[in-house]
PDB file of all heavy atoms in Angstrom:
ATOM      1  N   ILE A   1      88.709 106.171  86.731  1.00  0.00           N
ATOM      2  CA  ILE A   1      88.400 107.186  87.670  1.00  0.00           C
ATOM      3  C   ILE A   1      87.552 108.205  86.967  1.00  0.00           C
ATOM      4  O   ILE A   1      87.799 108.613  85.862  1.00  0.00           O
ATOM      5  CB  ILE A   1      89.614 107.782  88.388  1.00  0.00           C
ATOM      6  CG1 ILE A   1      89.241 108.766  89.496  1.00  0.00           C
ATOM      7  CG2 ILE A   1      90.466 108.515  87.351  1.00  0.00           C
ATOM      8  CD1 ILE A   1      90.399 109.134  90.348  1.00  0.00           C
ATOM      9  N   ASN A   2      86.542 108.763  87.684  1.00  0.00           N
ATOM     10  CA  ASN A   2      85.794 109.882  87.147  1.00  0.00           C
ATOM     11  C   ASN A   2      86.647 111.094  87.359  1.00  0.00           C
ATOM     12  O   ASN A   2      87.123 111.417  88.434  1.00  0.00           O
ATOM     13  CB  ASN A   2      84.460 110.006  87.902  1.00  0.00           C
ATOM     14  CG  ASN A   2      83.619 111.183  87.381  1.00  0.00           C
ATOM     15  OD1 ASN A   2      83.869 112.369  87.642  1.00  0.00           O
ATOM     16  ND2 ASN A   2      82.640 110.813  86.532  1.00  0.00           N
ATOM     17  N   TRP A   3      86.874 111.841  86.295  1.00  0.00           N
ATOM     18  CA  TRP A   3      87.763 113.003  86.300  1.00  0.00           C
ATOM     19  C   TRP A   3      87.393 114.093  87.435  1.00  0.00           C
ATOM     20  O   TRP A   3      88.279 114.549  88.094  1.00  0.00           O
ATOM     21  CB  TRP A   3      87.790 113.752  84.931  1.00  0.00           C
ATOM     22  CG  TRP A   3      88.798 114.811  84.863  1.00  0.00           C
ATOM     23  CD1 TRP A   3      88.539 116.152  85.033  1.00  0.00           C
ATOM     24  CD2 TRP A   3      90.183 114.683  84.604  1.00  0.00           C
ATOM     25  NE1 TRP A   3      89.691 116.867  84.877  1.00  0.00           N
ATOM     26  CE2 TRP A   3      90.680 116.017  84.564  1.00  0.00           C
ATOM     27  CE3 TRP A   3      91.064 113.628  84.373  1.00  0.00           C
ATOM     28  CZ2 TRP A   3      92.013 116.287  84.356  1.00  0.00           C
ATOM     29  CZ3 TRP A   3      92.399 113.815  84.154  1.00  0.00           C
ATOM     30  CH2 TRP A   3      92.838 115.152  84.149  1.00  0.00           C
ATOM     31  N   SER A   4      86.155 114.346  87.508  1.00  0.00           N
ATOM     32  CA  SER A   4      85.671 115.349  88.430  1.00  0.00           C
ATOM     33  C   SER A   4      85.307 114.769  89.828  1.00  0.00           C
ATOM     34  O   SER A   4      85.615 115.320  90.914  1.00  0.00           O
ATOM     35  CB  SER A   4      84.530 116.112  87.910  1.00  0.00           C
ATOM     36  OG  SER A   4      84.891 116.877  86.787  1.00  0.00           O
ATOM     37  N   GLY A   5      84.557 113.645  89.816  1.00  0.00           N
ATOM     38  CA  GLY A   5      84.020 113.135  91.026  1.00  0.00           C
ATOM     39  C   GLY A   5      84.899 112.188  91.840  1.00  0.00           C
ATOM     40  O   GLY A   5      84.800 112.100  93.041  1.00  0.00           O
ATOM     41  N   GLY A   6      85.914 111.582  91.154  1.00  0.00           N
ATOM     42  CA  GLY A   6      86.891 110.742  91.894  1.00  0.00           C
ATOM     43  C   GLY A   6      86.446 109.301  92.130  1.00  0.00           C
ATOM     44  O   GLY A   6      87.116 108.588  92.816  1.00  0.00           O
ATOM     45  N   MET A   7      85.261 108.873  91.647  1.00  0.00           N
ATOM     46  CA  MET A   7      84.923 107.508  91.855  1.00  0.00           C
ATOM     47  C   MET A   7      85.873 106.586  91.087  1.00  0.00           C
ATOM     48  O   MET A   7      86.186 106.918  90.045  1.00  0.00           O
ATOM     49  CB  MET A   7      83.423 107.270  91.327  1.00  0.00           C
ATOM     50  CG  MET A   7      82.920 105.912  91.622  1.00  0.00           C
ATOM     51  SD  MET A   7      82.427 105.661  93.311  1.00  0.00           S
ATOM     52  CE  MET A   7      80.945 106.662  93.339  1.00  0.00           C
ATOM     53  N   THR A   8      86.295 105.519  91.776  1.00  0.00           N
ATOM     54  CA  THR A   8      87.319 104.621  91.221  1.00  0.00           C
ATOM     55  C   THR A   8      86.765 103.213  91.011  1.00  0.00           C
ATOM     56  O   THR A   8      85.923 102.801  91.725  1.00  0.00           O
ATOM     57  CB  THR A   8      88.556 104.582  92.017  1.00  0.00           C
ATOM     58  OG1 THR A   8      88.264 104.143  93.387  1.00  0.00           O
ATOM     59  CG2 THR A   8      89.210 105.919  92.112  1.00  0.00           C
ATOM     60  N   TYR A   9      87.341 102.519  90.038  1.00  0.00           N
ATOM     61  CA  TYR A   9      86.958 101.142  89.735  1.00  0.00           C
ATOM     62  C   TYR A   9      88.203 100.311  89.382  1.00  0.00           C
ATOM     63  O   TYR A   9      89.155 100.909  88.755  1.00  0.00           O
ATOM     64  CB  TYR A   9      85.992 101.064  88.471  1.00  0.00           C
ATOM     65  CG  TYR A   9      84.764 102.020  88.624  1.00  0.00           C
ATOM     66  CD1 TYR A   9      84.802 103.320  88.286  1.00  0.00           C
ATOM     67  CD2 TYR A   9      83.626 101.492  89.224  1.00  0.00           C
ATOM     68  CE1 TYR A   9      83.724 104.115  88.415  1.00  0.00           C
ATOM     69  CE2 TYR A   9      82.497 102.290  89.330  1.00  0.00           C
ATOM     70  CZ  TYR A   9      82.553 103.656  88.936  1.00  0.00           C
ATOM     71  OH  TYR A   9      81.410 104.452  89.076  1.00  0.00           O
ATOM     72  N   TYR A  10      88.238  99.098  89.713  1.00  0.00           N
ATOM     73  CA  TYR A  10      89.429  98.236  89.436  1.00  0.00           C
ATOM     74  C   TYR A  10      88.994  96.911  88.983  1.00  0.00           C
ATOM     75  O   TYR A  10      87.899  96.342  89.469  1.00  0.00           O
ATOM     76  CB  TYR A  10      90.283  98.107  90.694  1.00  0.00           C
ATOM     77  CG  TYR A  10      90.825  99.367  91.245  1.00  0.00           C
ATOM     78  CD1 TYR A  10      90.138 100.130  92.254  1.00  0.00           C
ATOM     79  CD2 TYR A  10      92.001  99.899  90.804  1.00  0.00           C
ATOM     80  CE1 TYR A  10      90.680 101.248  92.774  1.00  0.00           C
ATOM     81  CE2 TYR A  10      92.542 101.070  91.329  1.00  0.00           C
ATOM     82  CZ  TYR A  10      91.878 101.717  92.326  1.00  0.00           C
ATOM     83  OH  TYR A  10      92.389 102.916  92.781  1.00  0.00           O
ATOM     84  N   THR A  11      89.772  96.290  88.116  1.00  0.00           N
ATOM     85  CA  THR A  11      89.579  94.911  87.863  1.00  0.00           C
ATOM     86  C   THR A  11      90.073  94.056  89.068  1.00  0.00           C
ATOM     87  O   THR A  11      90.972  94.463  89.764  1.00  0.00           O
ATOM     88  CB  THR A  11      90.305  94.510  86.551  1.00  0.00           C
ATOM     89  OG1 THR A  11      89.894  93.183  86.113  1.00  0.00           O
ATOM     90  CG2 THR A  11      91.798  94.506  86.714  1.00  0.00           C
ATOM     91  N   ASP A  12      89.471  92.881  89.249  1.00  0.00           N
ATOM     92  CA  ASP A  12      89.745  92.131  90.396  1.00  0.00           C
ATOM     93  C   ASP A  12      91.220  91.800  90.576  1.00  0.00           C
ATOM     94  O   ASP A  12      91.726  91.757  91.693  1.00  0.00           O
ATOM     95  CB  ASP A  12      88.916  90.803  90.423  1.00  0.00           C
ATOM     96  CG  ASP A  12      87.428  91.055  90.727  1.00  0.00           C
ATOM     97  OD1 ASP A  12      87.135  92.173  91.231  1.00  0.00           O
ATOM     98  OD2 ASP A  12      86.683  90.150  90.436  1.00  0.00           O
ATOM     99  N   SER A  13      91.911  91.551  89.534  1.00  0.00           N
ATOM    100  CA  SER A  13      93.300  91.065  89.591  1.00  0.00           C
ATOM    101  C   SER A  13      94.287  92.119  90.097  1.00  0.00           C
ATOM    102  O   SER A  13      95.419  91.720  90.554  1.00  0.00           O
ATOM    103  CB  SER A  13      93.774  90.592  88.294  1.00  0.00           C
ATOM    104  OG  SER A  13      93.877  91.621  87.283  1.00  0.00           O
ATOM    105  N   VAL A  14      93.894  93.339  90.178  1.00  0.00           N
ATOM    106  CA  VAL A  14      94.805  94.394  90.678  1.00  0.00           C
ATOM    107  C   VAL A  14      94.345  95.095  91.949  1.00  0.00           C
ATOM    108  O   VAL A  14      95.064  95.911  92.470  1.00  0.00           O
ATOM    109  CB  VAL A  14      95.049  95.472  89.582  1.00  0.00           C
ATOM    110  CG1 VAL A  14      95.474  94.808  88.279  1.00  0.00           C
ATOM    111  CG2 VAL A  14      93.813  96.366  89.407  1.00  0.00           C
ATOM    112  N   LYS A  15      93.173  94.711  92.413  1.00  0.00           N
ATOM    113  CA  LYS A  15      92.626  95.276  93.651  1.00  0.00           C
ATOM    114  C   LYS A  15      93.629  95.032  94.783  1.00  0.00           C
ATOM    115  O   LYS A  15      94.112  93.933  95.012  1.00  0.00           O
ATOM    116  CB  LYS A  15      91.244  94.736  93.976  1.00  0.00           C
ATOM    117  CG  LYS A  15      90.177  95.277  93.063  1.00  0.00           C
ATOM    118  CD  LYS A  15      88.837  94.648  93.463  1.00  0.00           C
ATOM    119  CE  LYS A  15      87.700  95.203  92.661  1.00  0.00           C
ATOM    120  NZ  LYS A  15      86.390  94.596  92.905  1.00  0.00           N
ATOM    121  N   GLY A  16      93.852  96.094  95.545  1.00  0.00           N
ATOM    122  CA  GLY A  16      94.803  96.004  96.669  1.00  0.00           C
ATOM    123  C   GLY A  16      96.240  96.203  96.270  1.00  0.00           C
ATOM    124  O   GLY A  16      97.094  96.402  97.138  1.00  0.00           O
ATOM    125  N   ARG A  17      96.585  96.264  95.024  1.00  0.00           N
ATOM    126  CA  ARG A  17      97.923  96.474  94.539  1.00  0.00           C
ATOM    127  C   ARG A  17      98.026  97.758  93.747  1.00  0.00           C
ATOM    128  O   ARG A  17      99.068  98.432  93.815  1.00  0.00           O
ATOM    129  CB  ARG A  17      98.419  95.346  93.627  1.00  0.00           C
ATOM    130  CG  ARG A  17      98.421  93.962  94.402  1.00  0.00           C
ATOM    131  CD  ARG A  17      99.101  92.925  93.527  1.00  0.00           C
ATOM    132  NE  ARG A  17      98.343  92.670  92.269  1.00  0.00           N
ATOM    133  CZ  ARG A  17      98.945  92.792  91.049  1.00  0.00           C
ATOM    134  NH1 ARG A  17     100.207  93.197  90.917  1.00  0.00           N
ATOM    135  NH2 ARG A  17      98.143  92.523  89.972  1.00  0.00           N
ATOM    136  N   PHE A  18      97.044  98.100  92.930  1.00  0.00           N
ATOM    137  CA  PHE A  18      97.067  99.287  92.129  1.00  0.00           C
ATOM    138  C   PHE A  18      96.155 100.326  92.631  1.00  0.00           C
ATOM    139  O   PHE A  18      95.053 100.101  93.222  1.00  0.00           O
ATOM    140  CB  PHE A  18      96.688  98.926  90.651  1.00  0.00           C
ATOM    141  CG  PHE A  18      97.571  98.081  89.892  1.00  0.00           C
ATOM    142  CD1 PHE A  18      98.634  97.442  90.438  1.00  0.00           C
ATOM    143  CD2 PHE A  18      97.350  97.930  88.483  1.00  0.00           C
ATOM    144  CE1 PHE A  18      99.506  96.696  89.724  1.00  0.00           C
ATOM    145  CE2 PHE A  18      98.214  97.104  87.765  1.00  0.00           C
ATOM    146  CZ  PHE A  18      99.295  96.524  88.355  1.00  0.00           C
ATOM    147  N   THR A  19      96.528 101.631  92.440  1.00  0.00           N
ATOM    148  CA  THR A  19      95.718 102.708  92.851  1.00  0.00           C
ATOM    149  C   THR A  19      95.673 103.762  91.762  1.00  0.00           C
ATOM    150  O   THR A  19      96.727 104.214  91.304  1.00  0.00           O
ATOM    151  CB  THR A  19      96.268 103.390  94.130  1.00  0.00           C
ATOM    152  OG1 THR A  19      96.282 102.377  95.226  1.00  0.00           O
ATOM    153  CG2 THR A  19      95.285 104.497  94.624  1.00  0.00           C
ATOM    154  N   ILE A  20      94.491 104.090  91.333  1.00  0.00           N
ATOM    155  CA  ILE A  20      94.279 105.172  90.361  1.00  0.00           C
ATOM    156  C   ILE A  20      94.033 106.473  91.105  1.00  0.00           C
ATOM    157  O   ILE A  20      93.245 106.472  92.058  1.00  0.00           O
ATOM    158  CB  ILE A  20      93.257 104.840  89.334  1.00  0.00           C
ATOM    159  CG1 ILE A  20      93.264 105.860  88.162  1.00  0.00           C
ATOM    160  CG2 ILE A  20      91.859 104.688  89.901  1.00  0.00           C
ATOM    161  CD1 ILE A  20      92.386 105.476  86.942  1.00  0.00           C
ATOM    162  N   SER A  21      94.535 107.578  90.646  1.00  0.00           N
ATOM    163  CA  SER A  21      94.275 108.871  91.210  1.00  0.00           C
ATOM    164  C   SER A  21      94.363 109.917  90.177  1.00  0.00           C
ATOM    165  O   SER A  21      94.833 109.734  89.012  1.00  0.00           O
ATOM    166  CB  SER A  21      95.296 109.159  92.372  1.00  0.00           C
ATOM    167  OG  SER A  21      96.603 109.173  91.860  1.00  0.00           O
ATOM    168  N   ARG A  22      94.021 111.169  90.572  1.00  0.00           N
ATOM    169  CA  ARG A  22      94.022 112.273  89.646  1.00  0.00           C
ATOM    170  C   ARG A  22      94.596 113.541  90.336  1.00  0.00           C
ATOM    171  O   ARG A  22      94.425 113.676  91.560  1.00  0.00           O
ATOM    172  CB  ARG A  22      92.629 112.517  89.108  1.00  0.00           C
ATOM    173  CG  ARG A  22      91.564 112.769  90.180  1.00  0.00           C
ATOM    174  CD  ARG A  22      90.226 113.162  89.666  1.00  0.00           C
ATOM    175  NE  ARG A  22      89.205 113.067  90.696  1.00  0.00           N
ATOM    176  CZ  ARG A  22      89.009 114.012  91.612  1.00  0.00           C
ATOM    177  NH1 ARG A  22      89.792 115.122  91.631  1.00  0.00           N
ATOM    178  NH2 ARG A  22      88.016 113.834  92.476  1.00  0.00           N
ATOM    179  N   ASP A  23      95.096 114.405  89.465  1.00  0.00           N
ATOM    180  CA  ASP A  23      95.426 115.739  89.939  1.00  0.00           C
ATOM    181  C   ASP A  23      94.849 116.702  88.934  1.00  0.00           C
ATOM    182  O   ASP A  23      95.452 116.908  87.840  1.00  0.00           O
ATOM    183  CB  ASP A  23      96.966 115.933  90.012  1.00  0.00           C
ATOM    184  CG  ASP A  23      97.406 117.222  90.639  1.00  0.00           C
ATOM    185  OD1 ASP A  23      96.607 118.191  90.582  1.00  0.00           O
ATOM    186  OD2 ASP A  23      98.533 117.312  91.089  1.00  0.00           O
ATOM    187  N   ASN A  24      93.702 117.210  89.212  1.00  0.00           N
ATOM    188  CA  ASN A  24      92.973 118.071  88.226  1.00  0.00           C
ATOM    189  C   ASN A  24      93.720 119.349  87.903  1.00  0.00           C
ATOM    190  O   ASN A  24      93.721 119.778  86.734  1.00  0.00           O
ATOM    191  CB  ASN A  24      91.598 118.460  88.776  1.00  0.00           C
ATOM    192  CG  ASN A  24      90.647 117.269  88.799  1.00  0.00           C
ATOM    193  OD1 ASN A  24      90.917 116.198  88.278  1.00  0.00           O
ATOM    194  ND2 ASN A  24      89.435 117.471  89.324  1.00  0.00           N
ATOM    195  N   ALA A  25      94.474 119.879  88.852  1.00  0.00           N
ATOM    196  CA  ALA A  25      95.235 121.082  88.577  1.00  0.00           C
ATOM    197  C   ALA A  25      96.365 120.847  87.549  1.00  0.00           C
ATOM    198  O   ALA A  25      96.676 121.755  86.842  1.00  0.00           O
ATOM    199  CB  ALA A  25      95.872 121.644  89.873  1.00  0.00           C
ATOM    200  N   LYS A  26      96.898 119.647  87.488  1.00  0.00           N
ATOM    201  CA  LYS A  26      97.946 119.233  86.516  1.00  0.00           C
ATOM    202  C   LYS A  26      97.401 118.511  85.383  1.00  0.00           C
ATOM    203  O   LYS A  26      98.182 118.174  84.459  1.00  0.00           O
ATOM    204  CB  LYS A  26      99.028 118.413  87.216  1.00  0.00           C
ATOM    205  CG  LYS A  26      99.820 119.131  88.284  1.00  0.00           C
ATOM    206  CD  LYS A  26     100.843 118.226  88.911  1.00  0.00           C
ATOM    207  CE  LYS A  26     101.657 118.978  90.003  1.00  0.00           C
ATOM    208  NZ  LYS A  26     102.689 118.075  90.589  1.00  0.00           N
ATOM    209  N   ASN A  27      96.118 118.328  85.282  1.00  0.00           N
ATOM    210  CA  ASN A  27      95.443 117.594  84.171  1.00  0.00           C
ATOM    211  C   ASN A  27      96.150 116.238  83.971  1.00  0.00           C
ATOM    212  O   ASN A  27      96.382 115.850  82.825  1.00  0.00           O
ATOM    213  CB  ASN A  27      95.497 118.415  82.931  1.00  0.00           C
ATOM    214  CG  ASN A  27      94.777 119.709  83.011  1.00  0.00           C
ATOM    215  OD1 ASN A  27      93.617 119.771  83.546  1.00  0.00           O
ATOM    216  ND2 ASN A  27      95.377 120.807  82.618  1.00  0.00           N
ATOM    217  N   THR A  28      96.343 115.526  85.019  1.00  0.00           N
ATOM    218  CA  THR A  28      97.127 114.323  85.044  1.00  0.00           C
ATOM    219  C   THR A  28      96.448 113.235  85.822  1.00  0.00           C
ATOM    220  O   THR A  28      95.887 113.503  86.957  1.00  0.00           O
ATOM    221  CB  THR A  28      98.532 114.482  85.500  1.00  0.00           C
ATOM    222  OG1 THR A  28      99.160 115.491  84.734  1.00  0.00           O
ATOM    223  CG2 THR A  28      99.321 113.200  85.448  1.00  0.00           C
ATOM    224  N   VAL A  29      96.370 111.979  85.344  1.00  0.00           N
ATOM    225  CA  VAL A  29      95.896 110.808  86.032  1.00  0.00           C
ATOM    226  C   VAL A  29      97.089 109.879  86.252  1.00  0.00           C
ATOM    227  O   VAL A  29      97.945 109.753  85.379  1.00  0.00           O
ATOM    228  CB  VAL A  29      94.775 110.134  85.223  1.00  0.00           C
ATOM    229  CG1 VAL A  29      94.363 108.835  85.893  1.00  0.00           C
ATOM    230  CG2 VAL A  29      93.598 111.075  85.083  1.00  0.00           C
ATOM    231  N   TYR A  30      97.058 109.203  87.433  1.00  0.00           N
ATOM    232  CA  TYR A  30      98.175 108.382  87.740  1.00  0.00           C
ATOM    233  C   TYR A  30      97.685 106.919  88.029  1.00  0.00           C
ATOM    234  O   TYR A  30      96.545 106.717  88.435  1.00  0.00           O
ATOM    235  CB  TYR A  30      98.894 108.847  89.011  1.00  0.00           C
ATOM    236  CG  TYR A  30      99.357 110.252  88.983  1.00  0.00           C
ATOM    237  CD1 TYR A  30      98.591 111.306  89.391  1.00  0.00           C
ATOM    238  CD2 TYR A  30     100.591 110.544  88.386  1.00  0.00           C
ATOM    239  CE1 TYR A  30      99.066 112.600  89.317  1.00  0.00           C
ATOM    240  CE2 TYR A  30     101.086 111.843  88.291  1.00  0.00           C
ATOM    241  CZ  TYR A  30     100.340 112.863  88.771  1.00  0.00           C
ATOM    242  OH  TYR A  30     100.744 114.163  88.711  1.00  0.00           O
ATOM    243  N   LEU A  31      98.560 105.979  87.815  1.00  0.00           N
ATOM    244  CA  LEU A  31      98.292 104.615  88.226  1.00  0.00           C
ATOM    245  C   LEU A  31      99.523 104.195  88.974  1.00  0.00           C
ATOM    246  O   LEU A  31     100.614 103.874  88.434  1.00  0.00           O
ATOM    247  CB  LEU A  31      98.085 103.685  86.993  1.00  0.00           C
ATOM    248  CG  LEU A  31      97.712 102.259  87.349  1.00  0.00           C
ATOM    249  CD1 LEU A  31      96.310 102.226  88.051  1.00  0.00           C
ATOM    250  CD2 LEU A  31      97.766 101.344  86.098  1.00  0.00           C
ATOM    251  N   GLN A  32      99.364 104.067  90.341  1.00  0.00           N
ATOM    252  CA  GLN A  32     100.402 103.547  91.253  1.00  0.00           C
ATOM    253  C   GLN A  32     100.284 102.027  91.246  1.00  0.00           C
ATOM    254  O   GLN A  32      99.269 101.497  91.627  1.00  0.00           O
ATOM    255  CB  GLN A  32     100.291 104.112  92.609  1.00  0.00           C
ATOM    256  CG  GLN A  32     101.323 103.602  93.612  1.00  0.00           C
ATOM    257  CD  GLN A  32     102.694 104.048  93.239  1.00  0.00           C
ATOM    258  OE1 GLN A  32     102.967 105.171  92.931  1.00  0.00           O
ATOM    259  NE2 GLN A  32     103.681 103.122  93.237  1.00  0.00           N
ATOM    260  N   MET A  33     101.344 101.306  90.876  1.00  0.00           N
ATOM    261  CA  MET A  33     101.338  99.880  90.763  1.00  0.00           C
ATOM    262  C   MET A  33     102.348  99.319  91.747  1.00  0.00           C
ATOM    263  O   MET A  33     103.555  99.651  91.600  1.00  0.00           O
ATOM    264  CB  MET A  33     101.582  99.396  89.342  1.00  0.00           C
ATOM    265  CG  MET A  33     100.710 100.000  88.316  1.00  0.00           C
ATOM    266  SD  MET A  33     101.014  99.296  86.634  1.00  0.00           S
ATOM    267  CE  MET A  33     102.664  99.963  86.361  1.00  0.00           C
ATOM    268  N   ASN A  34     101.900  98.600  92.775  1.00  0.00           N
ATOM    269  CA  ASN A  34     102.762  98.015  93.798  1.00  0.00           C
ATOM    270  C   ASN A  34     102.607  96.472  93.691  1.00  0.00           C
ATOM    271  O   ASN A  34     101.733  95.973  93.044  1.00  0.00           O
ATOM    272  CB  ASN A  34     102.357  98.438  95.143  1.00  0.00           C
ATOM    273  CG  ASN A  34     102.478  99.928  95.368  1.00  0.00           C
ATOM    274  OD1 ASN A  34     103.425 100.580  94.822  1.00  0.00           O
ATOM    275  ND2 ASN A  34     101.557 100.553  96.169  1.00  0.00           N
ATOM    276  N   SER A  35     103.567  95.794  94.257  1.00  0.00           N
ATOM    277  CA  SER A  35     103.597  94.368  94.283  1.00  0.00           C
ATOM    278  C   SER A  35     103.432  93.763  92.911  1.00  0.00           C
ATOM    279  O   SER A  35     102.603  92.855  92.691  1.00  0.00           O
ATOM    280  CB  SER A  35     102.552  93.841  95.258  1.00  0.00           C
ATOM    281  OG  SER A  35     102.753  94.318  96.569  1.00  0.00           O
ATOM    282  N   LEU A  36     104.188  94.230  91.972  1.00  0.00           N
ATOM    283  CA  LEU A  36     104.003  93.905  90.567  1.00  0.00           C
ATOM    284  C   LEU A  36     104.366  92.401  90.376  1.00  0.00           C
ATOM    285  O   LEU A  36     105.237  91.858  91.004  1.00  0.00           O
ATOM    286  CB  LEU A  36     104.875  94.752  89.677  1.00  0.00           C
ATOM    287  CG  LEU A  36     104.240  96.130  89.460  1.00  0.00           C
ATOM    288  CD1 LEU A  36     105.309  97.073  88.906  1.00  0.00           C
ATOM    289  CD2 LEU A  36     103.102  96.029  88.423  1.00  0.00           C
ATOM    290  N   LYS A  37     103.625  91.793  89.490  1.00  0.00           N
ATOM    291  CA  LYS A  37     103.795  90.397  89.136  1.00  0.00           C
ATOM    292  C   LYS A  37     104.155  90.265  87.657  1.00  0.00           C
ATOM    293  O   LYS A  37     103.763  91.119  86.849  1.00  0.00           O
ATOM    294  CB  LYS A  37     102.547  89.590  89.443  1.00  0.00           C
ATOM    295  CG  LYS A  37     101.995  89.776  90.862  1.00  0.00           C
ATOM    296  CD  LYS A  37     100.615  89.037  91.032  1.00  0.00           C
ATOM    297  CE  LYS A  37     100.103  89.168  92.431  1.00  0.00           C
ATOM    298  NZ  LYS A  37      98.768  88.545  92.574  1.00  0.00           N
ATOM    299  N   PRO A  38     104.816  89.171  87.301  1.00  0.00           N
ATOM    300  CA  PRO A  38     105.101  88.957  85.832  1.00  0.00           C
ATOM    301  C   PRO A  38     103.852  89.073  84.926  1.00  0.00           C
ATOM    302  O   PRO A  38     103.998  89.522  83.874  1.00  0.00           O
ATOM    303  CB  PRO A  38     105.751  87.628  85.775  1.00  0.00           C
ATOM    304  CG  PRO A  38     106.408  87.491  87.162  1.00  0.00           C
ATOM    305  CD  PRO A  38     105.428  88.123  88.057  1.00  0.00           C
TER     306      PRO A  38
END
């Protein structure tokens, strides 16, 4: 993710399952991972 602009990119294997996001006020980036696989 671009820190300021918010443009996101994903590898094909995680599209639809993972979401990257940011909270600039907290200086923190997150990766929400759903439907996890081995």
